[in-house]
Amino acid sequence: MIEAGHPLNDRGLIKPIDTGERRQGAIIIADTGQEKPELGRVIEVGPGRKTEIGAFIGPEDIQVKAGDVILIPKIGTIRTEIDGEEYYITQFKEILGTVEYEED
């Protein structure tokens, strides 16, 4: 059994958020007819990394923190399954932005 580990460098461990069905007027659009939104909740932030010129970028320099909901890029994100659950791993420079999201 594989258990969730810790992200390295300037990467983050992200749990995808299932936004469910979307309504457009009175019509329900099934998941099969659309791309799923690329939203996720940050679980953990890596310890940081040194840049090419030797400066250190630490967790305090990364603009997101554990618990934030972010928009995940379609390219550059590693999708993996750990202990039966899906997770994303991505570098924080690839994140498109934070999102205000309230679960129903």
C-alpha atoms as a PDB file:
ATOM      1  CA  MET A   1       0.000   0.000   0.000  1.00  0.00           C
ATOM      2  CA  ILE A   2       1.305   3.443  -0.945  1.00  0.00           C
ATOM      3  CA  GLU A   3       0.491   6.338   1.366  1.00  0.00           C
ATOM      4  CA  ALA A   4       0.654  10.030   0.529  1.00  0.00           C
ATOM      5  CA  GLY A   5       4.141  11.409   1.016  1.00  0.00           C
ATOM      6  CA  HIS A   6       5.453  14.937   1.020  1.00  0.00           C
ATOM      7  CA  PRO A   7       6.057  17.155  -2.015  1.00  0.00           C
ATOM      8  CA  LEU A   8       9.657  18.069  -2.759  1.00  0.00           C
ATOM      9  CA  ASN A   9      11.197  21.408  -3.747  1.00  0.00           C
ATOM     10  CA  ASP A  10       8.664  23.987  -4.961  1.00  0.00           C
ATOM     11  CA  ARG A  11       5.941  21.476  -5.702  1.00  0.00           C
ATOM     12  CA  GLY A  12       2.605  20.971  -4.030  1.00  0.00           C
ATOM     13  CA  LEU A  13       0.370  18.025  -3.278  1.00  0.00           C
ATOM     14  CA  ILE A  14      -3.159  18.851  -4.400  1.00  0.00           C
ATOM     15  CA  LYS A  15      -6.430  16.984  -3.911  1.00  0.00           C
ATOM     16  CA  PRO A  16      -8.788  17.460  -6.878  1.00  0.00           C
ATOM     17  CA  ILE A  17     -12.231  18.882  -6.162  1.00  0.00           C
ATOM     18  CA  ASP A  18     -15.186  17.224  -7.873  1.00  0.00           C
ATOM     19  CA  THR A  19     -17.559  20.046  -8.756  1.00  0.00           C
ATOM     20  CA  GLY A  20     -20.299  17.641  -9.896  1.00  0.00           C
ATOM     21  CA  GLU A  21     -22.917  18.501 -12.475  1.00  0.00           C
ATOM     22  CA  ARG A  22     -23.359  21.960 -13.930  1.00  0.00           C
ATOM     23  CA  ARG A  23     -26.703  23.514 -14.740  1.00  0.00           C
ATOM     24  CA  GLN A  24     -27.323  25.817 -17.626  1.00  0.00           C
ATOM     25  CA  GLY A  25     -30.870  27.104 -17.294  1.00  0.00           C
ATOM     26  CA  ALA A  26     -33.038  24.048 -16.727  1.00  0.00           C
ATOM     27  CA  ILE A  27     -30.647  21.732 -18.573  1.00  0.00           C
ATOM     28  CA  ILE A  28     -28.188  19.566 -16.632  1.00  0.00           C
ATOM     29  CA  ILE A  29     -24.942  19.067 -18.512  1.00  0.00           C
ATOM     30  CA  ALA A  30     -23.571  15.598 -17.749  1.00  0.00           C
ATOM     31  CA  ASP A  31     -19.872  15.144 -16.956  1.00  0.00           C
ATOM     32  CA  THR A  32     -19.489  12.984 -20.057  1.00  0.00           C
ATOM     33  CA  GLY A  33     -20.189  15.961 -22.315  1.00  0.00           C
ATOM     34  CA  GLN A  34     -17.712  18.403 -20.821  1.00  0.00           C
ATOM     35  CA  GLU A  35     -14.209  18.663 -19.500  1.00  0.00           C
ATOM     36  CA  LYS A  36     -14.006  18.511 -15.728  1.00  0.00           C
ATOM     37  CA  PRO A  37     -12.883  21.715 -14.068  1.00  0.00           C
ATOM     38  CA  GLU A  38      -9.290  21.624 -12.979  1.00  0.00           C
ATOM     39  CA  LEU A  39      -9.786  22.689  -9.378  1.00  0.00           C
ATOM     40  CA  GLY A  40      -7.913  21.345  -6.396  1.00  0.00           C
ATOM     41  CA  ARG A  41      -7.266  22.008  -2.722  1.00  0.00           C
ATOM     42  CA  VAL A  42      -3.635  22.400  -1.658  1.00  0.00           C
ATOM     43  CA  ILE A  43      -2.800  19.661   0.854  1.00  0.00           C
ATOM     44  CA  GLU A  44       0.867  20.435   1.404  1.00  0.00           C
ATOM     45  CA  VAL A  45       3.554  22.761   0.078  1.00  0.00           C
ATOM     46  CA  GLY A  46       7.126  21.568  -0.508  1.00  0.00           C
ATOM     47  CA  PRO A  47      10.094  23.048   1.419  1.00  0.00           C
ATOM     48  CA  GLY A  48      11.270  25.220  -1.484  1.00  0.00           C
ATOM     49  CA  ARG A  49      14.265  25.172  -3.828  1.00  0.00           C
ATOM     50  CA  LYS A  50      17.355  27.071  -4.869  1.00  0.00           C
ATOM     51  CA  THR A  51      17.187  29.025  -8.111  1.00  0.00           C
ATOM     52  CA  GLU A  52      19.822  28.846 -10.820  1.00  0.00           C
ATOM     53  CA  ILE A  53      21.597  31.860  -9.252  1.00  0.00           C
ATOM     54  CA  GLY A  54      21.572  30.346  -5.747  1.00  0.00           C
ATOM     55  CA  ALA A  55      18.686  32.276  -4.169  1.00  0.00           C
ATOM     56  CA  PHE A  56      16.349  30.194  -2.027  1.00  0.00           C
ATOM     57  CA  ILE A  57      12.602  30.182  -2.726  1.00  0.00           C
ATOM     58  CA  GLY A  58      10.892  28.885   0.411  1.00  0.00           C
ATOM     59  CA  PRO A  59       7.292  28.096   1.346  1.00  0.00           C
ATOM     60  CA  GLU A  60       6.805  31.686   2.529  1.00  0.00           C
ATOM     61  CA  ASP A  61       7.609  32.889  -1.024  1.00  0.00           C
ATOM     62  CA  ILE A  62       5.001  30.646  -2.632  1.00  0.00           C
ATOM     63  CA  GLN A  63       1.702  32.480  -3.006  1.00  0.00           C
ATOM     64  CA  VAL A  64      -0.545  29.604  -1.926  1.00  0.00           C
ATOM     65  CA  LYS A  65      -0.785  27.621   1.286  1.00  0.00           C
ATOM     66  CA  ALA A  66      -2.390  24.418   2.522  1.00  0.00           C
ATOM     67  CA  GLY A  67      -6.167  24.693   2.318  1.00  0.00           C
ATOM     68  CA  ASP A  68      -6.263  27.109  -0.645  1.00  0.00           C
ATOM     69  CA  VAL A  69      -8.362  26.158  -3.671  1.00  0.00           C
ATOM     70  CA  ILE A  70      -6.438  26.640  -6.897  1.00  0.00           C
ATOM     71  CA  LEU A  71      -6.977  26.394 -10.619  1.00  0.00           C
ATOM     72  CA  ILE A  72      -4.828  23.540 -11.919  1.00  0.00           C
ATOM     73  CA  PRO A  73      -3.172  23.828 -15.346  1.00  0.00           C
ATOM     74  CA  LYS A  74      -3.982  21.061 -17.814  1.00  0.00           C
ATOM     75  CA  ILE A  75      -0.351  20.774 -18.895  1.00  0.00           C
ATOM     76  CA  GLY A  76       2.493  20.301 -16.446  1.00  0.00           C
ATOM     77  CA  THR A  77       0.450  18.647 -13.715  1.00  0.00           C
ATOM     78  CA  ILE A  78       1.232  15.093 -12.682  1.00  0.00           C
ATOM     79  CA  ARG A  79      -1.855  13.064 -11.866  1.00  0.00           C
ATOM     80  CA  THR A  80      -1.378  10.077  -9.616  1.00  0.00           C
ATOM     81  CA  GLU A  81      -3.351   7.698  -7.454  1.00  0.00           C
ATOM     82  CA  ILE A  82      -2.209   7.146  -3.893  1.00  0.00           C
ATOM     83  CA  ASP A  83      -4.003   4.621  -1.687  1.00  0.00           C
ATOM     84  CA  GLY A  84      -7.020   4.644  -4.013  1.00  0.00           C
ATOM     85  CA  GLU A  85      -7.385   8.439  -4.110  1.00  0.00           C
ATOM     86  CA  GLU A  86      -6.439  10.817  -6.917  1.00  0.00           C
ATOM     87  CA  TYR A  87      -3.897  13.589  -6.312  1.00  0.00           C
ATOM     88  CA  TYR A  88      -2.107  16.183  -8.430  1.00  0.00           C
ATOM     89  CA  ILE A  89       1.515  17.242  -8.061  1.00  0.00           C
ATOM     90  CA  THR A  90       2.616  20.469  -9.710  1.00  0.00           C
ATOM     91  CA  GLN A  91       5.176  23.222  -9.434  1.00  0.00           C
ATOM     92  CA  PHE A  92       3.629  26.339  -7.995  1.00  0.00           C
ATOM     93  CA  LYS A  93       4.885  28.527 -10.845  1.00  0.00           C
ATOM     94  CA  GLU A  94       2.446  26.588 -13.064  1.00  0.00           C
ATOM     95  CA  ILE A  95      -0.677  27.373 -11.005  1.00  0.00           C
ATOM     96  CA  LEU A  96      -3.083  29.694 -12.794  1.00  0.00           C
ATOM     97  CA  GLY A  97      -4.676  31.274  -9.720  1.00  0.00           C
ATOM     98  CA  THR A  98      -6.635  30.844  -6.519  1.00  0.00           C
ATOM     99  CA  VAL A  99     -10.393  30.421  -6.511  1.00  0.00           C
ATOM    100  CA  GLU A 100     -13.085  31.239  -3.946  1.00  0.00           C
ATOM    101  CA  TYR A 101     -14.918  27.926  -3.650  1.00  0.00           C
ATOM    102  CA  GLU A 102     -17.512  26.786  -1.138  1.00  0.00           C
ATOM    103  CA  GLU A 103     -18.569  23.173  -1.043  1.00  0.00           C
ATOM    104  CA  ASP A 104     -22.324  22.540  -1.039  1.00  0.00           C
END
